[in-house]
Protein backbone atom coordinates (compact mmCIF):
# COMPACT_ATOMS: atom_id res chain seq x y z
CA UNK A 1 0.00 0.00 0.00
CA UNK A 2 1.36 3.44 -0.91
CA UNK A 3 2.16 5.94 1.77
CA UNK A 4 -0.39 8.67 2.38
CA UNK A 5 1.16 12.13 2.47
CA UNK A 6 -0.43 15.01 4.33
CA UNK A 7 0.43 18.57 5.20
CA UNK A 8 -1.46 20.36 7.95
CA UNK A 9 -1.91 23.83 6.49
CA UNK A 10 -3.76 25.29 9.47
CA UNK A 11 -4.61 23.88 12.90
CA UNK A 12 -8.11 25.08 13.68
CA UNK A 13 -8.87 23.45 17.01
CA UNK A 14 -9.32 20.44 19.28
CA UNK A 15 -12.88 19.21 19.69
CA UNK A 16 -12.12 16.67 22.43
CA UNK A 17 -9.36 14.67 24.10
CA UNK A 18 -9.60 11.05 25.27
CA UNK A 19 -8.04 9.56 28.40
CA UNK A 20 -5.42 7.89 26.18
CA UNK A 21 -4.35 11.27 24.81
CA UNK A 22 -5.89 10.99 21.34
CA UNK A 23 -7.45 14.26 20.18
CA UNK A 24 -10.40 14.86 17.87
CA UNK A 25 -9.37 17.84 15.77
CA UNK A 26 -10.49 20.01 12.92
CA UNK A 27 -7.68 21.15 10.64
CA UNK A 28 -7.12 22.38 7.10
CA UNK A 29 -5.10 19.59 5.45
CA UNK A 30 -3.68 18.88 2.01
CA UNK A 31 -3.79 15.12 1.36
CA UNK A 32 -1.38 13.69 -1.25
CA UNK A 33 -0.51 17.16 -2.60
CA UNK A 34 -4.16 17.92 -3.45
CA UNK A 35 -6.06 21.10 -2.63
CA UNK A 36 -6.48 21.56 1.11
CA UNK A 37 -9.79 20.58 2.71
CA UNK A 38 -11.21 20.84 6.19
CA UNK A 39 -10.60 17.60 8.05
CA UNK A 40 -12.15 16.18 11.22
CA UNK A 41 -10.46 13.11 12.73
CA UNK A 42 -8.68 11.65 15.76
CA UNK A 43 -4.91 11.92 16.08
CA UNK A 44 -2.54 10.02 18.38
CA UNK A 45 -0.48 12.14 20.81
CA UNK A 46 2.69 11.66 18.71
CA UNK A 47 0.82 12.26 15.40
CA UNK A 48 2.16 8.94 14.08
CA UNK A 49 -1.35 7.46 13.79
CA UNK A 50 -4.70 8.84 12.86
CA UNK A 51 -8.25 7.57 12.92
CA UNK A 52 -10.82 7.58 10.18
CA UNK A 53 -12.17 11.00 9.47
CA UNK A 54 -14.18 13.18 7.16
CA UNK A 55 -12.92 15.85 4.78
CA UNK A 56 -15.05 18.80 3.74
CA UNK A 57 -14.67 21.41 1.03
CA UNK A 58 -15.23 25.05 1.95
CA UNK A 59 -18.76 24.81 0.56
CA UNK A 60 -19.51 21.64 2.55
CA UNK A 61 -18.13 23.22 5.74
CA UNK A 62 -20.36 26.26 5.19
CA UNK A 63 -23.41 24.00 4.69
CA UNK A 64 -22.52 22.05 7.87
CA UNK A 65 -22.19 25.30 9.82
CA UNK A 66 -25.67 26.39 8.69
CA UNK A 67 -27.14 23.03 9.72
CA UNK A 68 -25.40 23.10 13.12
CA UNK A 69 -26.75 26.58 13.79
CA UNK A 70 -30.29 25.19 13.81
CA UNK A 71 -29.54 22.15 15.99
CA UNK A 72 -31.19 22.40 19.38
CA UNK A 73 -28.89 21.76 22.30
């Protein structure tokens, strides 16, 4: 399997942290030298491993923001 390359363009923030030190983060990331997208996923404390995540274009992030604004808490 080929190596996956990534470059964290901008760290936006940590959504949560588990007892084991893994953090759920949202960042702007370029995967395999492609255009950067917003990325939500878990990262190990040493950044050597990462969990499954979701990547969103700017338009998708904007649509998600609008939907979250109407969610009742």
